[in-house]
Amino acid sequence: MLFSSYVPRWLQVLLTEKFFNACIIHEDARKNEKNIYCLDCCISICPRCLAPHSSHRLLQVRRYVYHDVIRLDDATKLMDCAFVQSYITNSAKVVFINQRPQTRQFRGSGNFCTICDRSLQDPYLFCSLSCKIDYLSRTEDGLSKFLFECNYLPLPDSGLDDGLVTPDSVLEPSCSTKTSSGSGGYDEVWCRALACTAATSEIVRKKRTSLTACRPTCPPVSEVSGNLMNRRKKAPQRAPLY
């Protein structure tokens, strides 16, 4: 990750912090995993450490198969998440904080993360928040247009959970690039995201052009299958009888 002076402290720590470690202050207590991030103090805390941070901006971090995710509704209060691939888990949209290591090299045509080349669905360009931030930090304008001023970020009204999303839970790509789930109360954030997305759409246009130029085109699967079927149905060629 290439950090610049324009990346705020709370964001740098969020991208590098190790969550779900046991809290050393409450090491003998149950459910002492540090799965809450305080943006004002730039530290991760466990639920038992909440009292001194009750008036601070707090972000709950969840985990899916050892990778940290946050709710998209929370992320859109802090930054423009357009073109970051979101997922649906436990009836809520989430985004990965950092890129995930790939177990094998993906081969074939399709859509890829601009930074780490992970396979994505159209029209996404980034697999995680860190990949988008990494890309924007290298541009001339940096992150100035993509970070929002957020003075109030409470924990969910439904209360804290353990933050662990099991592999049996539903985790599937979202089919929409909308940066808010539309659950109510986020119209202002959505409007701000739309204003910032105009600049990001230029990235889409350039990336689509480069993908078309660099990757060979293949005939559609239906056309290939049709040719194979027609070849099988033809009458066999036999030698003439003399």
C-alpha atoms as a PDB file:
ATOM      1  CA  MET A   1       0.000   0.000   0.000  1.00  0.00           C
ATOM      2  CA  LEU A   2       1.390   3.374  -1.047  1.00  0.00           C
ATOM      3  CA  PHE A   3       0.225   5.938   1.504  1.00  0.00           C
ATOM      4  CA  SER A   4       0.466   9.622   0.759  1.00  0.00           C
ATOM      5  CA  SER A   5       0.200  12.637   3.023  1.00  0.00           C
ATOM      6  CA  TYR A   6      -3.399  13.085   1.863  1.00  0.00           C
ATOM      7  CA  VAL A   7      -4.549   9.817   3.474  1.00  0.00           C
ATOM      8  CA  PRO A   8      -5.990  10.663   6.919  1.00  0.00           C
ATOM      9  CA  ARG A   9      -4.683   8.880   9.971  1.00  0.00           C
ATOM     10  CA  TRP A  10      -7.938   7.050  10.750  1.00  0.00           C
ATOM     11  CA  LEU A  11      -7.959   5.559   7.258  1.00  0.00           C
ATOM     12  CA  GLN A  12      -4.331   4.446   7.355  1.00  0.00           C
ATOM     13  CA  VAL A  13      -4.909   2.639  10.643  1.00  0.00           C
ATOM     14  CA  LEU A  14      -8.156   1.047   9.440  1.00  0.00           C
ATOM     15  CA  LEU A  15      -6.329  -0.509   6.469  1.00  0.00           C
ATOM     16  CA  THR A  16      -3.446  -1.849   8.566  1.00  0.00           C
ATOM     17  CA  GLU A  17      -5.043  -2.728  11.910  1.00  0.00           C
ATOM     18  CA  LYS A  18      -5.282  -6.375  12.986  1.00  0.00           C
ATOM     19  CA  PHE A  19      -8.815  -7.017  14.175  1.00  0.00           C
ATOM     20  CA  PHE A  20     -10.256  -9.932  16.177  1.00  0.00           C
ATOM     21  CA  ASN A  21      -7.189 -10.288  18.367  1.00  0.00           C
ATOM     22  CA  ALA A  22      -7.930 -10.841  22.066  1.00  0.00           C
ATOM     23  CA  CYS A  23      -8.106  -7.682  24.162  1.00  0.00           C
ATOM     24  CA  ILE A  24      -5.220  -7.688  26.638  1.00  0.00           C
ATOM     25  CA  ILE A  25      -7.238  -5.567  29.095  1.00  0.00           C
ATOM     26  CA  HIS A  26     -10.065  -8.114  29.209  1.00  0.00           C
ATOM     27  CA  GLU A  27      -8.079 -11.229  28.339  1.00  0.00           C
ATOM     28  CA  ASP A  28      -9.981 -13.377  30.858  1.00  0.00           C
ATOM     29  CA  ALA A  29     -13.431 -12.306  29.661  1.00  0.00           C
ATOM     30  CA  ARG A  30     -15.587 -14.082  27.112  1.00  0.00           C
ATOM     31  CA  LYS A  31     -16.083 -12.469  23.682  1.00  0.00           C
ATOM     32  CA  ASN A  32     -13.092 -10.189  24.098  1.00  0.00           C
ATOM     33  CA  GLU A  33     -12.189  -9.997  20.396  1.00  0.00           C
ATOM     34  CA  LYS A  34     -11.323  -6.493  19.205  1.00  0.00           C
ATOM     35  CA  ASN A  35     -13.910  -6.072  16.449  1.00  0.00           C
ATOM     36  CA  ILE A  36     -14.755  -2.386  16.938  1.00  0.00           C
ATOM     37  CA  TYR A  37     -12.737   0.437  15.414  1.00  0.00           C
ATOM     38  CA  CYS A  38     -12.719   3.911  16.970  1.00  0.00           C
ATOM     39  CA  LEU A  39     -12.072   6.504  14.294  1.00  0.00           C
ATOM     40  CA  ASP A  40     -11.345   9.246  16.838  1.00  0.00           C
ATOM     41  CA  CYS A  41      -8.713   7.271  18.758  1.00  0.00           C
ATOM     42  CA  CYS A  42      -7.532   5.213  15.753  1.00  0.00           C
ATOM     43  CA  ILE A  43      -7.499   1.968  17.719  1.00  0.00           C
ATOM     44  CA  SER A  44      -9.385  -1.317  17.735  1.00  0.00           C
ATOM     45  CA  ILE A  45     -11.295  -2.195  20.913  1.00  0.00           C
ATOM     46  CA  CYS A  46     -13.445  -5.009  22.252  1.00  0.00           C
ATOM     47  CA  PRO A  47     -17.106  -4.545  23.308  1.00  0.00           C
ATOM     48  CA  ARG A  48     -16.055  -4.309  26.957  1.00  0.00           C
ATOM     49  CA  CYS A  49     -13.928  -1.231  26.174  1.00  0.00           C
ATOM     50  CA  LEU A  50     -16.841   0.782  24.811  1.00  0.00           C
ATOM     51  CA  ALA A  51     -17.585   3.016  27.795  1.00  0.00           C
ATOM     52  CA  PRO A  52     -14.743   5.572  27.297  1.00  0.00           C
ATOM     53  CA  HIS A  53     -15.556   5.721  23.557  1.00  0.00           C
ATOM     54  CA  SER A  54     -19.331   6.066  23.767  1.00  0.00           C
ATOM     55  CA  SER A  55     -19.323   9.553  22.195  1.00  0.00           C
ATOM     56  CA  HIS A  56     -16.777   8.676  19.493  1.00  0.00           C
ATOM     57  CA  ARG A  57     -17.252   7.533  15.904  1.00  0.00           C
ATOM     58  CA  LEU A  58     -17.373   3.736  16.043  1.00  0.00           C
ATOM     59  CA  LEU A  59     -17.250   1.177  13.270  1.00  0.00           C
ATOM     60  CA  GLN A  60     -17.982  -2.517  13.750  1.00  0.00           C
ATOM     61  CA  VAL A  61     -15.730  -4.819  11.752  1.00  0.00           C
ATOM     62  CA  ARG A  62     -16.978  -8.242  10.715  1.00  0.00           C
ATOM     63  CA  ARG A  63     -15.063 -11.208   9.402  1.00  0.00           C
ATOM     64  CA  TYR A  64     -15.754 -13.666   6.631  1.00  0.00           C
ATOM     65  CA  VAL A  65     -13.337 -16.631   6.397  1.00  0.00           C
ATOM     66  CA  TYR A  66     -10.506 -14.717   8.094  1.00  0.00           C
ATOM     67  CA  HIS A  67     -10.982 -11.539   6.039  1.00  0.00           C
ATOM     68  CA  ASP A  68     -12.293  -8.272   7.480  1.00  0.00           C
ATOM     69  CA  VAL A  69     -15.429  -6.664   6.054  1.00  0.00           C
ATOM     70  CA  ILE A  70     -17.572  -3.668   7.025  1.00  0.00           C
ATOM     71  CA  ARG A  71     -21.151  -2.790   6.218  1.00  0.00           C
ATOM     72  CA  LEU A  72     -21.564  -0.832   3.007  1.00  0.00           C
ATOM     73  CA  ASP A  73     -23.972   1.547   4.757  1.00  0.00           C
ATOM     74  CA  ASP A  74     -21.212   2.466   7.221  1.00  0.00           C
ATOM     75  CA  ALA A  75     -18.526   2.728   4.536  1.00  0.00           C
ATOM     76  CA  THR A  76     -20.609   5.106   2.403  1.00  0.00           C
ATOM     77  CA  LYS A  77     -20.775   7.570   5.299  1.00  0.00           C
ATOM     78  CA  LEU A  78     -16.987   7.828   5.176  1.00  0.00           C
ATOM     79  CA  MET A  79     -16.049   7.532   1.508  1.00  0.00           C
ATOM     80  CA  ASP A  80     -17.300   7.035  -2.023  1.00  0.00           C
ATOM     81  CA  CYS A  81     -17.550   3.260  -2.556  1.00  0.00           C
ATOM     82  CA  ALA A  82     -18.572   3.348  -6.213  1.00  0.00           C
ATOM     83  CA  PHE A  83     -17.161   0.456  -8.276  1.00  0.00           C
ATOM     84  CA  VAL A  84     -16.005  -1.452  -5.178  1.00  0.00           C
ATOM     85  CA  GLN A  85     -17.556  -4.916  -5.401  1.00  0.00           C
ATOM     86  CA  SER A  86     -20.057  -5.460  -2.595  1.00  0.00           C
ATOM     87  CA  TYR A  87     -21.472  -8.698  -1.238  1.00  0.00           C
ATOM     88  CA  ILE A  88     -24.632  -9.688   0.572  1.00  0.00           C
ATOM     89  CA  THR A  89     -24.217 -11.516   3.852  1.00  0.00           C
ATOM     90  CA  ASN A  90     -26.702 -11.856   6.710  1.00  0.00           C
ATOM     91  CA  SER A  91     -29.148  -9.665   4.735  1.00  0.00           C
ATOM     92  CA  ALA A  92     -26.684  -6.755   4.616  1.00  0.00           C
ATOM     93  CA  LYS A  93     -24.255  -5.517   1.991  1.00  0.00           C
ATOM     94  CA  VAL A  94     -20.591  -5.574   2.965  1.00  0.00           C
ATOM     95  CA  VAL A  95     -17.277  -4.670   1.339  1.00  0.00           C
ATOM     96  CA  PHE A  96     -13.842  -6.092   2.032  1.00  0.00           C
ATOM     97  CA  ILE A  97     -11.404  -3.722   3.726  1.00  0.00           C
ATOM     98  CA  ASN A  98      -8.259  -5.188   2.164  1.00  0.00           C
ATOM     99  CA  GLN A  99      -7.489  -7.269  -0.895  1.00  0.00           C
ATOM    100  CA  ARG A 100      -7.408 -11.020  -0.435  1.00  0.00           C
ATOM    101  CA  PRO A 101      -4.547 -13.245  -1.572  1.00  0.00           C
ATOM    102  CA  GLN A 102      -5.405 -15.356  -4.576  1.00  0.00           C
ATOM    103  CA  THR A 103      -4.938 -19.104  -4.279  1.00  0.00           C
ATOM    104  CA  ARG A 104      -4.492 -19.542  -8.011  1.00  0.00           C
ATOM    105  CA  GLN A 105      -3.981 -17.376 -11.047  1.00  0.00           C
ATOM    106  CA  PHE A 106      -7.233 -16.695 -12.842  1.00  0.00           C
ATOM    107  CA  ARG A 107      -7.099 -17.178 -16.576  1.00  0.00           C
ATOM    108  CA  GLY A 108      -9.572 -16.109 -19.203  1.00  0.00           C
ATOM    109  CA  SER A 109     -11.416 -13.029 -20.316  1.00  0.00           C
ATOM    110  CA  GLY A 110     -13.570 -10.961 -18.008  1.00  0.00           C
ATOM    111  CA  ASN A 111     -13.435  -8.110 -15.552  1.00  0.00           C
ATOM    112  CA  PHE A 112     -10.524  -7.665 -13.124  1.00  0.00           C
ATOM    113  CA  CYS A 113      -9.557  -5.507 -10.158  1.00  0.00           C
ATOM    114  CA  THR A 114      -7.522  -2.525 -11.323  1.00  0.00           C
ATOM    115  CA  ILE A 115      -4.901  -3.108  -8.608  1.00  0.00           C
ATOM    116  CA  CYS A 116      -4.650  -6.834  -7.818  1.00  0.00           C
ATOM    117  CA  ASP A 117      -6.262  -8.445 -10.916  1.00  0.00           C
ATOM    118  CA  ARG A 118      -8.805 -10.406  -8.878  1.00  0.00           C
ATOM    119  CA  SER A 119     -11.742 -11.543 -10.984  1.00  0.00           C
ATOM    120  CA  LEU A 120     -14.805  -9.296 -10.548  1.00  0.00           C
ATOM    121  CA  GLN A 121     -18.299  -8.968 -11.868  1.00  0.00           C
ATOM    122  CA  ASP A 122     -19.153  -6.142 -14.232  1.00  0.00           C
ATOM    123  CA  PRO A 123     -19.071  -3.190 -13.774  1.00  0.00           C
ATOM    124  CA  TYR A 124     -16.887  -3.285 -10.632  1.00  0.00           C
ATOM    125  CA  LEU A 125     -13.262  -2.114 -10.792  1.00  0.00           C
ATOM    126  CA  PHE A 126     -11.987  -2.751  -7.255  1.00  0.00           C
ATOM    127  CA  CYS A 127     -12.221  -5.848  -5.058  1.00  0.00           C
ATOM    128  CA  SER A 128     -11.769  -3.945  -1.795  1.00  0.00           C
ATOM    129  CA  LEU A 129     -11.586  -0.499  -0.257  1.00  0.00           C
ATOM    130  CA  SER A 130      -7.796  -0.682  -0.034  1.00  0.00           C
ATOM    131  CA  CYS A 131      -7.476  -1.291  -3.782  1.00  0.00           C
ATOM    132  CA  LYS A 132      -9.577   1.760  -4.620  1.00  0.00           C
ATOM    133  CA  ILE A 133      -7.736   3.900  -2.072  1.00  0.00           C
ATOM    134  CA  ASP A 134      -4.402   2.658  -3.394  1.00  0.00           C
ATOM    135  CA  TYR A 135      -5.398   3.639  -6.924  1.00  0.00           C
ATOM    136  CA  LEU A 136      -6.766   7.057  -5.980  1.00  0.00           C
ATOM    137  CA  SER A 137      -3.777   7.922  -3.785  1.00  0.00           C
ATOM    138  CA  ARG A 138      -1.603   7.738  -6.902  1.00  0.00           C
ATOM    139  CA  THR A 139      -3.738  10.146  -8.922  1.00  0.00           C
ATOM    140  CA  GLU A 140      -3.293  13.892  -9.060  1.00  0.00           C
ATOM    141  CA  ASP A 141      -6.393  14.730  -6.989  1.00  0.00           C
ATOM    142  CA  GLY A 142      -5.807  11.935  -4.497  1.00  0.00           C
ATOM    143  CA  LEU A 143      -8.586  11.170  -2.033  1.00  0.00           C
ATOM    144  CA  SER A 144      -9.819  14.701  -1.467  1.00  0.00           C
ATOM    145  CA  LYS A 145     -12.986  14.217  -3.548  1.00  0.00           C
ATOM    146  CA  PHE A 146     -13.741  10.708  -2.323  1.00  0.00           C
ATOM    147  CA  LEU A 147     -13.700  11.140   1.462  1.00  0.00           C
ATOM    148  CA  PHE A 148     -16.774  12.476   3.249  1.00  0.00           C
ATOM    149  CA  GLU A 149     -16.960  14.467   6.450  1.00  0.00           C
ATOM    150  CA  CYS A 150     -18.608  12.255   9.038  1.00  0.00           C
ATOM    151  CA  ASN A 151     -19.073  13.638  12.535  1.00  0.00           C
ATOM    152  CA  TYR A 152     -21.397  10.936  13.836  1.00  0.00           C
ATOM    153  CA  LEU A 153     -20.972   7.196  13.335  1.00  0.00           C
ATOM    154  CA  PRO A 154     -22.789   5.072  15.936  1.00  0.00           C
ATOM    155  CA  LEU A 155     -22.848   1.309  16.264  1.00  0.00           C
ATOM    156  CA  PRO A 156     -25.906  -0.541  14.891  1.00  0.00           C
ATOM    157  CA  ASP A 157     -29.136  -0.032  16.861  1.00  0.00           C
ATOM    158  CA  SER A 158     -29.686  -3.780  16.840  1.00  0.00           C
ATOM    159  CA  GLY A 159     -26.642  -4.206  19.075  1.00  0.00           C
ATOM    160  CA  LEU A 160     -23.278  -5.819  18.603  1.00  0.00           C
ATOM    161  CA  ASP A 161     -22.813  -9.345  17.360  1.00  0.00           C
ATOM    162  CA  ASP A 162     -19.622 -11.381  17.407  1.00  0.00           C
ATOM    163  CA  GLY A 163     -18.853 -10.206  13.864  1.00  0.00           C
ATOM    164  CA  LEU A 164     -18.113 -13.698  12.611  1.00  0.00           C
ATOM    165  CA  VAL A 165     -19.742 -14.676   9.334  1.00  0.00           C
ATOM    166  CA  THR A 166     -19.496 -18.430   8.949  1.00  0.00           C
ATOM    167  CA  PRO A 167     -18.679 -20.090   5.606  1.00  0.00           C
ATOM    168  CA  ASP A 168     -22.230 -21.496   5.572  1.00  0.00           C
ATOM    169  CA  SER A 169     -23.689 -17.993   5.452  1.00  0.00           C
ATOM    170  CA  VAL A 170     -24.869 -16.541   2.174  1.00  0.00           C
ATOM    171  CA  LEU A 171     -22.171 -14.394   0.604  1.00  0.00           C
ATOM    172  CA  GLU A 172     -22.883 -13.499  -2.976  1.00  0.00           C
ATOM    173  CA  PRO A 173     -21.927 -10.585  -5.234  1.00  0.00           C
ATOM    174  CA  SER A 174     -24.343  -7.717  -5.303  1.00  0.00           C
ATOM    175  CA  CYS A 175     -25.821  -6.931  -8.714  1.00  0.00           C
ATOM    176  CA  SER A 176     -25.960  -3.185  -8.135  1.00  0.00           C
ATOM    177  CA  THR A 177     -23.308  -0.472  -8.032  1.00  0.00           C
ATOM    178  CA  LYS A 178     -25.475   1.661  -5.763  1.00  0.00           C
ATOM    179  CA  THR A 179     -23.397   2.575  -2.741  1.00  0.00           C
ATOM    180  CA  SER A 180     -26.240   2.417  -0.230  1.00  0.00           C
ATOM    181  CA  SER A 181     -28.743  -0.324   0.432  1.00  0.00           C
ATOM    182  CA  GLY A 182     -31.581   2.165   0.488  1.00  0.00           C
ATOM    183  CA  SER A 183     -32.714   1.126   3.941  1.00  0.00           C
ATOM    184  CA  GLY A 184     -33.556   4.714   4.786  1.00  0.00           C
ATOM    185  CA  GLY A 185     -31.736   7.737   6.184  1.00  0.00           C
ATOM    186  CA  TYR A 186     -28.860   7.731   3.692  1.00  0.00           C
ATOM    187  CA  ASP A 187     -30.264   9.843   0.836  1.00  0.00           C
ATOM    188  CA  GLU A 188     -27.761  12.614   1.490  1.00  0.00           C
ATOM    189  CA  VAL A 189     -24.851  10.192   1.448  1.00  0.00           C
ATOM    190  CA  TRP A 190     -26.139   8.646  -1.781  1.00  0.00           C
ATOM    191  CA  CYS A 191     -26.350  12.076  -3.456  1.00  0.00           C
ATOM    192  CA  ARG A 192     -22.778  12.887  -2.446  1.00  0.00           C
ATOM    193  CA  ALA A 193     -21.647   9.526  -3.797  1.00  0.00           C
ATOM    194  CA  LEU A 194     -23.334  10.234  -7.122  1.00  0.00           C
ATOM    195  CA  ALA A 195     -21.417  13.503  -7.430  1.00  0.00           C
ATOM    196  CA  CYS A 196     -18.109  11.720  -6.838  1.00  0.00           C
ATOM    197  CA  THR A 197     -18.945   8.802  -9.133  1.00  0.00           C
ATOM    198  CA  ALA A 198     -18.743  11.016 -12.217  1.00  0.00           C
ATOM    199  CA  ALA A 199     -14.955  11.130 -11.890  1.00  0.00           C
ATOM    200  CA  THR A 200     -14.743   7.402 -11.298  1.00  0.00           C
ATOM    201  CA  SER A 201     -16.793   6.685 -14.429  1.00  0.00           C
ATOM    202  CA  GLU A 202     -13.850   7.927 -16.475  1.00  0.00           C
ATOM    203  CA  ILE A 203     -11.830   5.072 -14.972  1.00  0.00           C
ATOM    204  CA  VAL A 204     -14.483   2.666 -16.227  1.00  0.00           C
ATOM    205  CA  ARG A 205     -14.285   3.995 -19.768  1.00  0.00           C
ATOM    206  CA  LYS A 206     -10.491   3.756 -19.896  1.00  0.00           C
ATOM    207  CA  LYS A 207     -10.402   0.298 -18.349  1.00  0.00           C
ATOM    208  CA  ARG A 208     -13.020  -1.061 -20.754  1.00  0.00           C
ATOM    209  CA  THR A 209     -10.996   0.294 -23.681  1.00  0.00           C
ATOM    210  CA  SER A 210      -7.766  -1.301 -22.448  1.00  0.00           C
ATOM    211  CA  LEU A 211      -9.461  -4.639 -21.820  1.00  0.00           C
ATOM    212  CA  THR A 212     -10.827  -4.701 -25.360  1.00  0.00           C
ATOM    213  CA  ALA A 213      -7.442  -3.862 -26.848  1.00  0.00           C
ATOM    214  CA  CYS A 214      -5.367  -6.299 -24.782  1.00  0.00           C
ATOM    215  CA  ARG A 215      -7.499  -9.412 -24.585  1.00  0.00           C
ATOM    216  CA  PRO A 216      -8.300 -11.601 -27.614  1.00  0.00           C
ATOM    217  CA  THR A 217     -11.948 -11.996 -28.472  1.00  0.00           C
ATOM    218  CA  CYS A 218     -13.543 -15.436 -28.458  1.00  0.00           C
ATOM    219  CA  PRO A 219     -16.729 -16.563 -30.197  1.00  0.00           C
ATOM    220  CA  PRO A 220     -19.785 -16.820 -27.939  1.00  0.00           C
ATOM    221  CA  VAL A 221     -20.309 -20.113 -26.158  1.00  0.00           C
ATOM    222  CA  SER A 222     -23.652 -20.619 -27.930  1.00  0.00           C
ATOM    223  CA  GLU A 223     -21.976 -20.278 -31.324  1.00  0.00           C
ATOM    224  CA  VAL A 224     -19.268 -22.790 -30.445  1.00  0.00           C
ATOM    225  CA  SER A 225     -21.830 -25.238 -29.068  1.00  0.00           C
ATOM    226  CA  GLY A 226     -23.974 -24.840 -32.200  1.00  0.00           C
ATOM    227  CA  ASN A 227     -21.068 -25.645 -34.498  1.00  0.00           C
ATOM    228  CA  LEU A 228     -20.240 -28.776 -32.510  1.00  0.00           C
ATOM    229  CA  MET A 229     -23.859 -29.955 -32.600  1.00  0.00           C
ATOM    230  CA  ASN A 230     -24.158 -29.414 -36.354  1.00  0.00           C
ATOM    231  CA  ARG A 231     -20.925 -31.293 -36.950  1.00  0.00           C
ATOM    232  CA  ARG A 232     -22.217 -34.287 -34.993  1.00  0.00           C
ATOM    233  CA  LYS A 233     -25.597 -34.390 -36.771  1.00  0.00           C
ATOM    234  CA  LYS A 234     -24.192 -34.596 -40.303  1.00  0.00           C
ATOM    235  CA  ALA A 235     -24.460 -37.956 -42.130  1.00  0.00           C
ATOM    236  CA  PRO A 236     -21.195 -39.916 -42.029  1.00  0.00           C
ATOM    237  CA  GLN A 237     -19.038 -39.778 -45.161  1.00  0.00           C
ATOM    238  CA  ARG A 238     -18.691 -43.242 -46.764  1.00  0.00           C
ATOM    239  CA  ALA A 239     -16.515 -44.404 -49.607  1.00  0.00           C
ATOM    240  CA  PRO A 240     -18.420 -45.060 -52.869  1.00  0.00           C
ATOM    241  CA  LEU A 241     -19.153 -48.721 -53.799  1.00  0.00           C
ATOM    242  CA  TYR A 242     -17.641 -50.035 -57.056  1.00  0.00           C
END
